[in-house]
Amino acid sequence: MRTLVFVLTLFFVNSVYAQQSFVYDDHGKRDPFVPLVSSAGMVVTYDEDLSVNDLVLEGIVADASGNNIAIVNGKIVKARDQVGSYVVDVIAVDHVEFLKGTERFILKLKKSAF
């Protein structure tokens, strides 16, 4: 009788745990289980997965004739360039404006302490 109770208890516990599935919560970060290099040896980019909070304005180079460039996420961009699913619309002296569909996002250059 004790063996039967033990087996039934073990079966019940296993069936409860078997119904639960693990879901990875990435907290808005890149999934560490997704490969960075494809099977063909090419570097895989996930730029389309960027949110506006992932965009970092690192610097702006302003030209007297208005041909400004910016450094966003370590990449040099100019007006009309695409960063993930965002299009660079305006590069001003102190900010960059991005478009995603009809939405406009503004990244301001942080003042340095120097």
PDB file of N, CA and C in Angstrom:
ATOM      1  N   MET A   1       0.820  -1.194   0.000  1.00  0.00           N
ATOM      2  CA  MET A   1       0.000   0.000   0.000  1.00  0.00           C
ATOM      3  C   MET A   1       0.867   1.263   0.000  1.00  0.00           C
ATOM      4  N   ARG A   2       1.941   1.264   0.817  1.00  0.00           N
ATOM      5  CA  ARG A   2       2.829   2.438   0.856  1.00  0.00           C
ATOM      6  C   ARG A   2       3.477   2.669  -0.495  1.00  0.00           C
ATOM      7  N   THR A   3       3.837   1.609  -1.159  1.00  0.00           N
ATOM      8  CA  THR A   3       4.470   1.738  -2.479  1.00  0.00           C
ATOM      9  C   THR A   3       3.502   2.370  -3.463  1.00  0.00           C
ATOM     10  N   LEU A   4       2.253   1.957  -3.428  1.00  0.00           N
ATOM     11  CA  LEU A   4       1.240   2.511  -4.319  1.00  0.00           C
ATOM     12  C   LEU A   4       1.041   4.005  -4.054  1.00  0.00           C
ATOM     13  N   VAL A   5       0.980   4.408  -2.795  1.00  0.00           N
ATOM     14  CA  VAL A   5       0.826   5.816  -2.437  1.00  0.00           C
ATOM     15  C   VAL A   5       2.046   6.610  -2.906  1.00  0.00           C
ATOM     16  N   PHE A   6       3.227   6.057  -2.714  1.00  0.00           N
ATOM     17  CA  PHE A   6       4.453   6.733  -3.141  1.00  0.00           C
ATOM     18  C   PHE A   6       4.478   6.916  -4.650  1.00  0.00           C
ATOM     19  N   VAL A   7       4.119   5.862  -5.386  1.00  0.00           N
ATOM     20  CA  VAL A   7       4.110   5.923  -6.852  1.00  0.00           C
ATOM     21  C   VAL A   7       3.078   6.939  -7.331  1.00  0.00           C
ATOM     22  N   LEU A   8       1.908   6.946  -6.735  1.00  0.00           N
ATOM     23  CA  LEU A   8       0.874   7.913  -7.131  1.00  0.00           C
ATOM     24  C   LEU A   8       1.303   9.344  -6.810  1.00  0.00           C
ATOM     25  N   THR A   9       1.942   9.542  -5.671  1.00  0.00           N
ATOM     26  CA  THR A   9       2.442  10.872  -5.303  1.00  0.00           C
ATOM     27  C   THR A   9       3.517  11.322  -6.274  1.00  0.00           C
ATOM     28  N   LEU A  10       4.426  10.431  -6.599  1.00  0.00           N
ATOM     29  CA  LEU A  10       5.498  10.754  -7.550  1.00  0.00           C
ATOM     30  C   LEU A  10       4.917  11.083  -8.921  1.00  0.00           C
ATOM     31  N   PHE A  11       3.921  10.321  -9.349  1.00  0.00           N
ATOM     32  CA  PHE A  11       3.274  10.568 -10.632  1.00  0.00           C
ATOM     33  C   PHE A  11       2.598  11.932 -10.644  1.00  0.00           C
ATOM     34  N   PHE A  12       1.900  12.261  -9.568  1.00  0.00           N
ATOM     35  CA  PHE A  12       1.208  13.551  -9.474  1.00  0.00           C
ATOM     36  C   PHE A  12       2.199  14.708  -9.516  1.00  0.00           C
ATOM     37  N   VAL A  13       3.287  14.614  -8.761  1.00  0.00           N
ATOM     38  CA  VAL A  13       4.297  15.675  -8.719  1.00  0.00           C
ATOM     39  C   VAL A  13       4.929  15.841 -10.100  1.00  0.00           C
ATOM     40  N   ASN A  14       5.272  14.766 -10.768  1.00  0.00           N
ATOM     41  CA  ASN A  14       5.876  14.848 -12.099  1.00  0.00           C
ATOM     42  C   ASN A  14       4.917  15.446 -13.115  1.00  0.00           C
ATOM     43  N   SER A  15       3.636  15.108 -13.027  1.00  0.00           N
ATOM     44  CA  SER A  15       2.673  15.651 -13.989  1.00  0.00           C
ATOM     45  C   SER A  15       2.462  17.145 -13.780  1.00  0.00           C
ATOM     46  N   VAL A  16       2.532  17.620 -12.537  1.00  0.00           N
ATOM     47  CA  VAL A  16       2.393  19.057 -12.270  1.00  0.00           C
ATOM     48  C   VAL A  16       3.582  19.809 -12.854  1.00  0.00           C
ATOM     49  N   TYR A  17       4.807  19.323 -12.648  1.00  0.00           N
ATOM     50  CA  TYR A  17       5.995  19.985 -13.167  1.00  0.00           C
ATOM     51  C   TYR A  17       6.109  19.868 -14.678  1.00  0.00           C
ATOM     52  N   ALA A  18       5.594  18.800 -15.255  1.00  0.00           N
ATOM     53  CA  ALA A  18       5.673  18.610 -16.699  1.00  0.00           C
ATOM     54  C   ALA A  18       4.793  19.621 -17.426  1.00  0.00           C
ATOM     55  N   GLN A  19       3.729  20.108 -16.777  1.00  0.00           N
ATOM     56  CA  GLN A  19       2.830  21.055 -17.419  1.00  0.00           C
ATOM     57  C   GLN A  19       3.394  22.468 -17.432  1.00  0.00           C
ATOM     58  N   GLN A  20       4.343  22.761 -16.578  1.00  0.00           N
ATOM     59  CA  GLN A  20       4.941  24.089 -16.536  1.00  0.00           C
ATOM     60  C   GLN A  20       6.028  24.165 -17.599  1.00  0.00           C
ATOM     61  N   SER A  21       6.062  25.240 -18.353  1.00  0.00           N
ATOM     62  CA  SER A  21       7.119  25.403 -19.347  1.00  0.00           C
ATOM     63  C   SER A  21       7.931  26.640 -18.996  1.00  0.00           C
ATOM     64  N   PHE A  22       9.190  26.597 -19.327  1.00  0.00           N
ATOM     65  CA  PHE A  22      10.094  27.696 -19.028  1.00  0.00           C
ATOM     66  C   PHE A  22      10.036  28.712 -20.160  1.00  0.00           C
ATOM     67  N   VAL A  23       9.858  29.975 -19.826  1.00  0.00           N
ATOM     68  CA  VAL A  23       9.857  31.056 -20.802  1.00  0.00           C
ATOM     69  C   VAL A  23      10.961  32.025 -20.414  1.00  0.00           C
ATOM     70  N   TYR A  24      11.880  32.256 -21.342  1.00  0.00           N
ATOM     71  CA  TYR A  24      13.003  33.157 -21.076  1.00  0.00           C
ATOM     72  C   TYR A  24      12.533  34.602 -21.163  1.00  0.00           C
ATOM     73  N   ASP A  25      12.768  35.382 -20.124  1.00  0.00           N
ATOM     74  CA  ASP A  25      12.441  36.811 -20.107  1.00  0.00           C
ATOM     75  C   ASP A  25      13.724  37.585 -20.381  1.00  0.00           C
ATOM     76  N   ASP A  26      13.807  38.205 -21.551  1.00  0.00           N
ATOM     77  CA  ASP A  26      15.050  38.865 -21.962  1.00  0.00           C
ATOM     78  C   ASP A  26      15.196  40.276 -21.416  1.00  0.00           C
ATOM     79  N   HIS A  27      14.181  40.823 -20.757  1.00  0.00           N
ATOM     80  CA  HIS A  27      14.220  42.175 -20.174  1.00  0.00           C
ATOM     81  C   HIS A  27      14.663  43.216 -21.207  1.00  0.00           C
ATOM     82  N   GLY A  28      14.273  43.032 -22.457  1.00  0.00           N
ATOM     83  CA  GLY A  28      14.606  43.985 -23.506  1.00  0.00           C
ATOM     84  C   GLY A  28      16.012  43.858 -24.042  1.00  0.00           C
ATOM     85  N   LYS A  29      16.739  42.861 -23.638  1.00  0.00           N
ATOM     86  CA  LYS A  29      18.120  42.659 -24.096  1.00  0.00           C
ATOM     87  C   LYS A  29      18.148  41.554 -25.144  1.00  0.00           C
ATOM     88  N   ARG A  30      19.295  41.383 -25.779  1.00  0.00           N
ATOM     89  CA  ARG A  30      19.481  40.328 -26.764  1.00  0.00           C
ATOM     90  C   ARG A  30      19.437  38.976 -26.063  1.00  0.00           C
ATOM     91  N   ASP A  31      18.778  38.016 -26.697  1.00  0.00           N
ATOM     92  CA  ASP A  31      18.697  36.669 -26.144  1.00  0.00           C
ATOM     93  C   ASP A  31      20.080  36.020 -26.243  1.00  0.00           C
ATOM     94  N   PRO A  32      20.700  35.668 -25.118  1.00  0.00           N
ATOM     95  CA  PRO A  32      22.054  35.100 -25.172  1.00  0.00           C
ATOM     96  C   PRO A  32      22.108  33.718 -25.799  1.00  0.00           C
ATOM     97  N   PHE A  33      20.967  33.089 -26.022  1.00  0.00           N
ATOM     98  CA  PHE A  33      20.938  31.762 -26.616  1.00  0.00           C
ATOM     99  C   PHE A  33      20.822  31.812 -28.137  1.00  0.00           C
ATOM    100  N   VAL A  34      20.639  32.984 -28.708  1.00  0.00           N
ATOM    101  CA  VAL A  34      20.566  33.141 -30.156  1.00  0.00           C
ATOM    102  C   VAL A  34      21.984  33.368 -30.668  1.00  0.00           C
ATOM    103  N   PRO A  35      22.406  32.628 -31.684  1.00  0.00           N
ATOM    104  CA  PRO A  35      23.799  32.736 -32.155  1.00  0.00           C
ATOM    105  C   PRO A  35      24.100  34.095 -32.784  1.00  0.00           C
ATOM    106  N   LEU A  36      25.344  34.528 -32.643  1.00  0.00           N
ATOM    107  CA  LEU A  36      25.797  35.782 -33.240  1.00  0.00           C
ATOM    108  C   LEU A  36      26.409  35.562 -34.613  1.00  0.00           C
ATOM    109  N   VAL A  37      26.741  34.309 -34.931  1.00  0.00           N
ATOM    110  CA  VAL A  37      27.334  33.961 -36.220  1.00  0.00           C
ATOM    111  C   VAL A  37      26.479  32.873 -36.847  1.00  0.00           C
ATOM    112  N   SER A  38      26.160  33.037 -38.138  1.00  0.00           N
ATOM    113  CA  SER A  38      25.333  32.046 -38.819  1.00  0.00           C
ATOM    114  C   SER A  38      26.156  30.802 -39.138  1.00  0.00           C
ATOM    115  N   SER A  39      25.490  29.762 -39.585  1.00  0.00           N
ATOM    116  CA  SER A  39      26.188  28.527 -39.939  1.00  0.00           C
ATOM    117  C   SER A  39      27.106  28.728 -41.140  1.00  0.00           C
ATOM    118  N   ALA A  40      26.862  29.766 -41.942  1.00  0.00           N
ATOM    119  CA  ALA A  40      27.715  30.083 -43.082  1.00  0.00           C
ATOM    120  C   ALA A  40      28.910  30.949 -42.685  1.00  0.00           C
ATOM    121  N   GLY A  41      28.998  31.317 -41.410  1.00  0.00           N
ATOM    122  CA  GLY A  41      30.119  32.122 -40.931  1.00  0.00           C
ATOM    123  C   GLY A  41      29.893  33.614 -41.008  1.00  0.00           C
ATOM    124  N   MET A  42      28.683  34.048 -41.322  1.00  0.00           N
ATOM    125  CA  MET A  42      28.370  35.469 -41.421  1.00  0.00           C
ATOM    126  C   MET A  42      27.904  35.984 -40.056  1.00  0.00           C
ATOM    127  N   VAL A  43      28.263  37.232 -39.753  1.00  0.00           N
ATOM    128  CA  VAL A  43      27.817  37.855 -38.511  1.00  0.00           C
ATOM    129  C   VAL A  43      26.339  38.202 -38.642  1.00  0.00           C
ATOM    130  N   VAL A  44      25.557  37.782 -37.674  1.00  0.00           N
ATOM    131  CA  VAL A  44      24.116  38.023 -37.674  1.00  0.00           C
ATOM    132  C   VAL A  44      23.848  39.315 -36.922  1.00  0.00           C
ATOM    133  N   THR A  45      23.077  40.215 -37.523  1.00  0.00           N
ATOM    134  CA  THR A  45      22.713  41.464 -36.849  1.00  0.00           C
ATOM    135  C   THR A  45      21.229  41.438 -36.531  1.00  0.00           C
ATOM    136  N   TYR A  46      20.890  42.036 -35.425  1.00  0.00           N
ATOM    137  CA  TYR A  46      19.505  42.101 -34.985  1.00  0.00           C
ATOM    138  C   TYR A  46      19.071  43.551 -34.875  1.00  0.00           C
ATOM    139  N   ASP A  47      19.503  44.386 -35.836  1.00  0.00           N
ATOM    140  CA  ASP A  47      19.193  45.811 -35.781  1.00  0.00           C
ATOM    141  C   ASP A  47      17.694  46.086 -35.841  1.00  0.00           C
ATOM    142  N   GLU A  48      16.924  45.236 -36.523  1.00  0.00           N
ATOM    143  CA  GLU A  48      15.498  45.481 -36.640  1.00  0.00           C
ATOM    144  C   GLU A  48      14.807  45.352 -35.291  1.00  0.00           C
ATOM    145  N   ASP A  49      15.438  44.682 -34.353  1.00  0.00           N
ATOM    146  CA  ASP A  49      14.841  44.484 -33.038  1.00  0.00           C
ATOM    147  C   ASP A  49      15.094  45.650 -32.079  1.00  0.00           C
ATOM    148  N   LEU A  50      15.748  46.704 -32.544  1.00  0.00           N
ATOM    149  CA  LEU A  50      16.088  47.831 -31.671  1.00  0.00           C
ATOM    150  C   LEU A  50      14.841  48.583 -31.234  1.00  0.00           C
ATOM    151  N   SER A  51      14.824  48.989 -29.978  1.00  0.00           N
ATOM    152  CA  SER A  51      13.794  49.912 -29.527  1.00  0.00           C
ATOM    153  C   SER A  51      14.457  51.291 -29.417  1.00  0.00           C
ATOM    154  N   VAL A  52      13.663  52.313 -29.230  1.00  0.00           N
ATOM    155  CA  VAL A  52      14.219  53.665 -29.151  1.00  0.00           C
ATOM    156  C   VAL A  52      15.150  53.790 -27.947  1.00  0.00           C
ATOM    157  N   ASN A  53      14.924  53.004 -26.907  1.00  0.00           N
ATOM    158  CA  ASN A  53      15.794  53.033 -25.734  1.00  0.00           C
ATOM    159  C   ASN A  53      17.160  52.419 -26.004  1.00  0.00           C
ATOM    160  N   ASP A  54      17.271  51.630 -27.081  1.00  0.00           N
ATOM    161  CA  ASP A  54      18.550  51.024 -27.445  1.00  0.00           C
ATOM    162  C   ASP A  54      19.440  51.980 -28.238  1.00  0.00           C
ATOM    163  N   LEU A  55      18.884  53.067 -28.731  1.00  0.00           N
ATOM    164  CA  LEU A  55      19.652  54.024 -29.532  1.00  0.00           C
ATOM    165  C   LEU A  55      20.466  54.927 -28.617  1.00  0.00           C
ATOM    166  N   VAL A  56      21.768  55.005 -28.891  1.00  0.00           N
ATOM    167  CA  VAL A  56      22.655  55.838 -28.088  1.00  0.00           C
ATOM    168  C   VAL A  56      23.348  56.830 -29.021  1.00  0.00           C
ATOM    169  N   LEU A  57      23.109  58.103 -28.795  1.00  0.00           N
ATOM    170  CA  LEU A  57      23.763  59.167 -29.553  1.00  0.00           C
ATOM    171  C   LEU A  57      25.097  59.461 -28.892  1.00  0.00           C
ATOM    172  N   GLU A  58      26.182  59.112 -29.586  1.00  0.00           N
ATOM    173  CA  GLU A  58      27.515  59.243 -29.003  1.00  0.00           C
ATOM    174  C   GLU A  58      28.233  60.525 -29.429  1.00  0.00           C
ATOM    175  N   GLY A  59      27.828  61.098 -30.541  1.00  0.00           N
ATOM    176  CA  GLY A  59      28.474  62.331 -30.978  1.00  0.00           C
ATOM    177  C   GLY A  59      27.873  62.867 -32.260  1.00  0.00           C
ATOM    178  N   ILE A  60      28.126  64.152 -32.515  1.00  0.00           N
ATOM    179  CA  ILE A  60      27.659  64.828 -33.731  1.00  0.00           C
ATOM    180  C   ILE A  60      28.807  65.650 -34.286  1.00  0.00           C
ATOM    181  N   VAL A  61      29.009  65.562 -35.588  1.00  0.00           N
ATOM    182  CA  VAL A  61      29.983  66.412 -36.273  1.00  0.00           C
ATOM    183  C   VAL A  61      29.173  67.344 -37.172  1.00  0.00           C
ATOM    184  N   ALA A  62      29.195  68.638 -36.857  1.00  0.00           N
ATOM    185  CA  ALA A  62      28.415  69.624 -37.593  1.00  0.00           C
ATOM    186  C   ALA A  62      29.284  70.291 -38.636  1.00  0.00           C
ATOM    187  N   ASP A  63      28.768  70.357 -39.845  1.00  0.00           N
ATOM    188  CA  ASP A  63      29.445  70.980 -40.970  1.00  0.00           C
ATOM    189  C   ASP A  63      28.820  72.356 -41.205  1.00  0.00           C
ATOM    190  N   ALA A  64      29.628  73.322 -41.622  1.00  0.00           N
ATOM    191  CA  ALA A  64      29.116  74.676 -41.858  1.00  0.00           C
ATOM    192  C   ALA A  64      28.059  74.692 -42.958  1.00  0.00           C
ATOM    193  N   SER A  65      28.149  73.765 -43.894  1.00  0.00           N
ATOM    194  CA  SER A  65      27.176  73.733 -44.995  1.00  0.00           C
ATOM    195  C   SER A  65      25.959  72.867 -44.674  1.00  0.00           C
ATOM    196  N   GLY A  66      25.899  72.333 -43.445  1.00  0.00           N
ATOM    197  CA  GLY A  66      24.729  71.563 -43.035  1.00  0.00           C
ATOM    198  C   GLY A  66      24.819  70.073 -43.295  1.00  0.00           C
ATOM    199  N   ASN A  67      25.966  69.594 -43.754  1.00  0.00           N
ATOM    200  CA  ASN A  67      26.138  68.154 -43.978  1.00  0.00           C
ATOM    201  C   ASN A  67      26.610  67.492 -42.683  1.00  0.00           C
ATOM    202  N   ASN A  68      25.731  67.453 -41.702  1.00  0.00           N
ATOM    203  CA  ASN A  68      26.078  66.920 -40.388  1.00  0.00           C
ATOM    204  C   ASN A  68      26.071  65.396 -40.403  1.00  0.00           C
ATOM    205  N   ILE A  69      26.902  64.812 -39.570  1.00  0.00           N
ATOM    206  CA  ILE A  69      26.894  63.371 -39.364  1.00  0.00           C
ATOM    207  C   ILE A  69      26.822  63.112 -37.863  1.00  0.00           C
ATOM    208  N   ALA A  70      26.374  61.925 -37.513  1.00  0.00           N
ATOM    209  CA  ALA A  70      26.244  61.564 -36.104  1.00  0.00           C
ATOM    210  C   ALA A  70      26.795  60.164 -35.889  1.00  0.00           C
ATOM    211  N   ILE A  71      27.150  59.889 -34.659  1.00  0.00           N
ATOM    212  CA  ILE A  71      27.570  58.545 -34.281  1.00  0.00           C
ATOM    213  C   ILE A  71      26.484  57.986 -33.371  1.00  0.00           C
ATOM    214  N   VAL A  72      25.802  56.965 -33.870  1.00  0.00           N
ATOM    215  CA  VAL A  72      24.706  56.322 -33.140  1.00  0.00           C
ATOM    216  C   VAL A  72      25.040  54.840 -33.002  1.00  0.00           C
ATOM    217  N   ASN A  73      25.109  54.383 -31.769  1.00  0.00           N
ATOM    218  CA  ASN A  73      25.438  52.981 -31.486  1.00  0.00           C
ATOM    219  C   ASN A  73      26.747  52.559 -32.150  1.00  0.00           C
ATOM    220  N   GLY A  74      27.697  53.482 -32.188  1.00  0.00           N
ATOM    221  CA  GLY A  74      29.013  53.171 -32.736  1.00  0.00           C
ATOM    222  C   GLY A  74      29.105  53.236 -34.244  1.00  0.00           C
ATOM    223  N   LYS A  75      28.034  53.621 -34.918  1.00  0.00           N
ATOM    224  CA  LYS A  75      28.022  53.702 -36.381  1.00  0.00           C
ATOM    225  C   LYS A  75      27.875  55.150 -36.817  1.00  0.00           C
ATOM    226  N   ILE A  76      28.591  55.510 -37.858  1.00  0.00           N
ATOM    227  CA  ILE A  76      28.483  56.863 -38.419  1.00  0.00           C
ATOM    228  C   ILE A  76      27.274  56.889 -39.346  1.00  0.00           C
ATOM    229  N   VAL A  77      26.366  57.839 -39.092  1.00  0.00           N
ATOM    230  CA  VAL A  77      25.144  57.953 -39.889  1.00  0.00           C
ATOM    231  C   VAL A  77      24.969  59.388 -40.363  1.00  0.00           C
ATOM    232  N   LYS A  78      24.237  59.518 -41.466  1.00  0.00           N
ATOM    233  CA  LYS A  78      23.869  60.835 -41.989  1.00  0.00           C
ATOM    234  C   LYS A  78      22.364  60.833 -42.228  1.00  0.00           C
ATOM    235  N   ALA A  79      21.821  61.954 -42.599  1.00  0.00           N
ATOM    236  CA  ALA A  79      20.380  62.051 -42.838  1.00  0.00           C
ATOM    237  C   ALA A  79      19.965  61.035 -43.892  1.00  0.00           C
ATOM    238  N   ARG A  80      18.832  60.417 -43.680  1.00  0.00           N
ATOM    239  CA  ARG A  80      18.221  59.398 -44.526  1.00  0.00           C
ATOM    240  C   ARG A  80      18.803  57.997 -44.324  1.00  0.00           C
ATOM    241  N   ASP A  81      19.826  57.841 -43.478  1.00  0.00           N
ATOM    242  CA  ASP A  81      20.350  56.511 -43.154  1.00  0.00           C
ATOM    243  C   ASP A  81      19.376  55.800 -42.235  1.00  0.00           C
ATOM    244  N   GLN A  82      19.468  54.486 -42.209  1.00  0.00           N
ATOM    245  CA  GLN A  82      18.589  53.696 -41.375  1.00  0.00           C
ATOM    246  C   GLN A  82      19.394  53.032 -40.263  1.00  0.00           C
ATOM    247  N   VAL A  83      18.862  53.103 -39.044  1.00  0.00           N
ATOM    248  CA  VAL A  83      19.431  52.438 -37.870  1.00  0.00           C
ATOM    249  C   VAL A  83      18.337  51.522 -37.347  1.00  0.00           C
ATOM    250  N   GLY A  84      18.467  50.231 -37.607  1.00  0.00           N
ATOM    251  CA  GLY A  84      17.392  49.313 -37.278  1.00  0.00           C
ATOM    252  C   GLY A  84      16.172  49.669 -38.089  1.00  0.00           C
ATOM    253  N   SER A  85      15.049  49.839 -37.441  1.00  0.00           N
ATOM    254  CA  SER A  85      13.820  50.215 -38.144  1.00  0.00           C
ATOM    255  C   SER A  85      13.566  51.721 -38.087  1.00  0.00           C
ATOM    256  N   TYR A  86      14.553  52.498 -37.664  1.00  0.00           N
ATOM    257  CA  TYR A  86      14.445  53.954 -37.557  1.00  0.00           C
ATOM    258  C   TYR A  86      15.217  54.619 -38.688  1.00  0.00           C
ATOM    259  N   VAL A  87      14.667  55.694 -39.226  1.00  0.00           N
ATOM    260  CA  VAL A  87      15.328  56.464 -40.285  1.00  0.00           C
ATOM    261  C   VAL A  87      15.791  57.786 -39.685  1.00  0.00           C
ATOM    262  N   VAL A  88      17.062  58.127 -39.934  1.00  0.00           N
ATOM    263  CA  VAL A  88      17.596  59.409 -39.466  1.00  0.00           C
ATOM    264  C   VAL A  88      16.968  60.503 -40.320  1.00  0.00           C
ATOM    265  N   ASP A  89      16.246  61.403 -39.697  1.00  0.00           N
ATOM    266  CA  ASP A  89      15.564  62.473 -40.433  1.00  0.00           C
ATOM    267  C   ASP A  89      16.359  63.771 -40.386  1.00  0.00           C
ATOM    268  N   VAL A  90      16.723  64.213 -39.186  1.00  0.00           N
ATOM    269  CA  VAL A  90      17.422  65.486 -39.014  1.00  0.00           C
ATOM    270  C   VAL A  90      18.599  65.273 -38.069  1.00  0.00           C
ATOM    271  N   ILE A  91      19.753  65.828 -38.451  1.00  0.00           N
ATOM    272  CA  ILE A  91      20.897  65.868 -37.540  1.00  0.00           C
ATOM    273  C   ILE A  91      21.198  67.329 -37.272  1.00  0.00           C
ATOM    274  N   ALA A  92      20.880  67.772 -36.077  1.00  0.00           N
ATOM    275  CA  ALA A  92      21.139  69.151 -35.669  1.00  0.00           C
ATOM    276  C   ALA A  92      22.426  69.185 -34.860  1.00  0.00           C
ATOM    277  N   VAL A  93      22.791  70.357 -34.383  1.00  0.00           N
ATOM    278  CA  VAL A  93      24.021  70.520 -33.611  1.00  0.00           C
ATOM    279  C   VAL A  93      23.953  69.789 -32.276  1.00  0.00           C
ATOM    280  N   ASP A  94      22.753  69.710 -31.677  1.00  0.00           N
ATOM    281  CA  ASP A  94      22.638  69.121 -30.341  1.00  0.00           C
ATOM    282  C   ASP A  94      21.705  67.909 -30.243  1.00  0.00           C
ATOM    283  N   HIS A  95      21.104  67.489 -31.363  1.00  0.00           N
ATOM    284  CA  HIS A  95      20.203  66.336 -31.318  1.00  0.00           C
ATOM    285  C   HIS A  95      20.055  65.690 -32.691  1.00  0.00           C
ATOM    286  N   VAL A  96      19.507  64.472 -32.672  1.00  0.00           N
ATOM    287  CA  VAL A  96      19.193  63.744 -33.905  1.00  0.00           C
ATOM    288  C   VAL A  96      17.734  63.330 -33.823  1.00  0.00           C
ATOM    289  N   GLU A  97      17.014  63.512 -34.929  1.00  0.00           N
ATOM    290  CA  GLU A  97      15.606  63.132 -34.992  1.00  0.00           C
ATOM    291  C   GLU A  97      15.462  61.890 -35.870  1.00  0.00           C
ATOM    292  N   PHE A  98      14.747  60.893 -35.334  1.00  0.00           N
ATOM    293  CA  PHE A  98      14.512  59.646 -36.040  1.00  0.00           C
ATOM    294  C   PHE A  98      13.033  59.518 -36.356  1.00  0.00           C
ATOM    295  N   LEU A  99      12.738  58.839 -37.442  1.00  0.00           N
ATOM    296  CA  LEU A  99      11.365  58.527 -37.805  1.00  0.00           C
ATOM    297  C   LEU A  99      11.194  57.018 -37.836  1.00  0.00           C
ATOM    298  N   LYS A 100      10.072  56.568 -37.293  1.00  0.00           N
ATOM    299  CA  LYS A 100       9.658  55.173 -37.429  1.00  0.00           C
ATOM    300  C   LYS A 100       8.197  55.220 -37.801  1.00  0.00           C
ATOM    301  N   GLY A 101       7.926  55.014 -39.072  1.00  0.00           N
ATOM    302  CA  GLY A 101       6.565  55.212 -39.574  1.00  0.00           C
ATOM    303  C   GLY A 101       6.223  56.686 -39.499  1.00  0.00           C
ATOM    304  N   THR A 102       5.183  57.012 -38.759  1.00  0.00           N
ATOM    305  CA  THR A 102       4.799  58.422 -38.603  1.00  0.00           C
ATOM    306  C   THR A 102       5.265  58.994 -37.262  1.00  0.00           C
ATOM    307  N   GLU A 103       5.897  58.164 -36.438  1.00  0.00           N
ATOM    308  CA  GLU A 103       6.365  58.637 -35.137  1.00  0.00           C
ATOM    309  C   GLU A 103       7.748  59.264 -35.245  1.00  0.00           C
ATOM    310  N   ARG A 104       7.946  60.334 -34.494  1.00  0.00           N
ATOM    311  CA  ARG A 104       9.232  61.037 -34.461  1.00  0.00           C
ATOM    312  C   ARG A 104       9.842  60.890 -33.072  1.00  0.00           C
ATOM    313  N   PHE A 105      11.124  60.533 -33.040  1.00  0.00           N
ATOM    314  CA  PHE A 105      11.862  60.377 -31.791  1.00  0.00           C
ATOM    315  C   PHE A 105      13.080  61.288 -31.836  1.00  0.00           C
ATOM    316  N   ILE A 106      13.368  61.951 -30.726  1.00  0.00           N
ATOM    317  CA  ILE A 106      14.500  62.878 -30.658  1.00  0.00           C
ATOM    318  C   ILE A 106      15.492  62.371 -29.625  1.00  0.00           C
ATOM    319  N   LEU A 107      16.733  62.210 -30.063  1.00  0.00           N
ATOM    320  CA  LEU A 107      17.823  61.877 -29.146  1.00  0.00           C
ATOM    321  C   LEU A 107      18.670  63.121 -28.976  1.00  0.00           C
ATOM    322  N   LYS A 108      18.810  63.569 -27.746  1.00  0.00           N
ATOM    323  CA  LYS A 108      19.615  64.756 -27.479  1.00  0.00           C
ATOM    324  C   LYS A 108      21.015  64.353 -27.080  1.00  0.00           C
ATOM    325  N   LEU A 109      21.974  65.146 -27.506  1.00  0.00           N
ATOM    326  CA  LEU A 109      23.379  64.933 -27.162  1.00  0.00           C
ATOM    327  C   LEU A 109      23.573  65.341 -25.714  1.00  0.00           C
ATOM    328  N   LYS A 110      24.195  64.466 -24.948  1.00  0.00           N
ATOM    329  CA  LYS A 110      24.438  64.771 -23.550  1.00  0.00           C
ATOM    330  C   LYS A 110      25.625  65.729 -23.443  1.00  0.00           C
ATOM    331  N   LYS A 111      25.493  66.677 -22.539  1.00  0.00           N
ATOM    332  CA  LYS A 111      26.568  67.637 -22.303  1.00  0.00           C
ATOM    333  C   LYS A 111      27.713  66.947 -21.579  1.00  0.00           C
ATOM    334  N   SER A 112      28.930  67.204 -22.011  1.00  0.00           N
ATOM    335  CA  SER A 112      30.076  66.623 -21.316  1.00  0.00           C
ATOM    336  C   SER A 112      30.480  67.515 -20.135  1.00  0.00           C
ATOM    337  N   ALA A 113      31.200  66.939 -19.207  1.00  0.00           N
ATOM    338  CA  ALA A 113      31.605  67.665 -18.020  1.00  0.00           C
ATOM    339  C   ALA A 113      32.891  68.469 -18.253  1.00  0.00           C
ATOM    340  N   PHE A 114      33.410  68.449 -19.468  1.00  0.00           N
ATOM    341  CA  PHE A 114      34.694  69.139 -19.733  1.00  0.00           C
ATOM    342  C   PHE A 114      34.494  70.601 -19.996  1.00  0.00           C
TER     343      PHE A 114
END
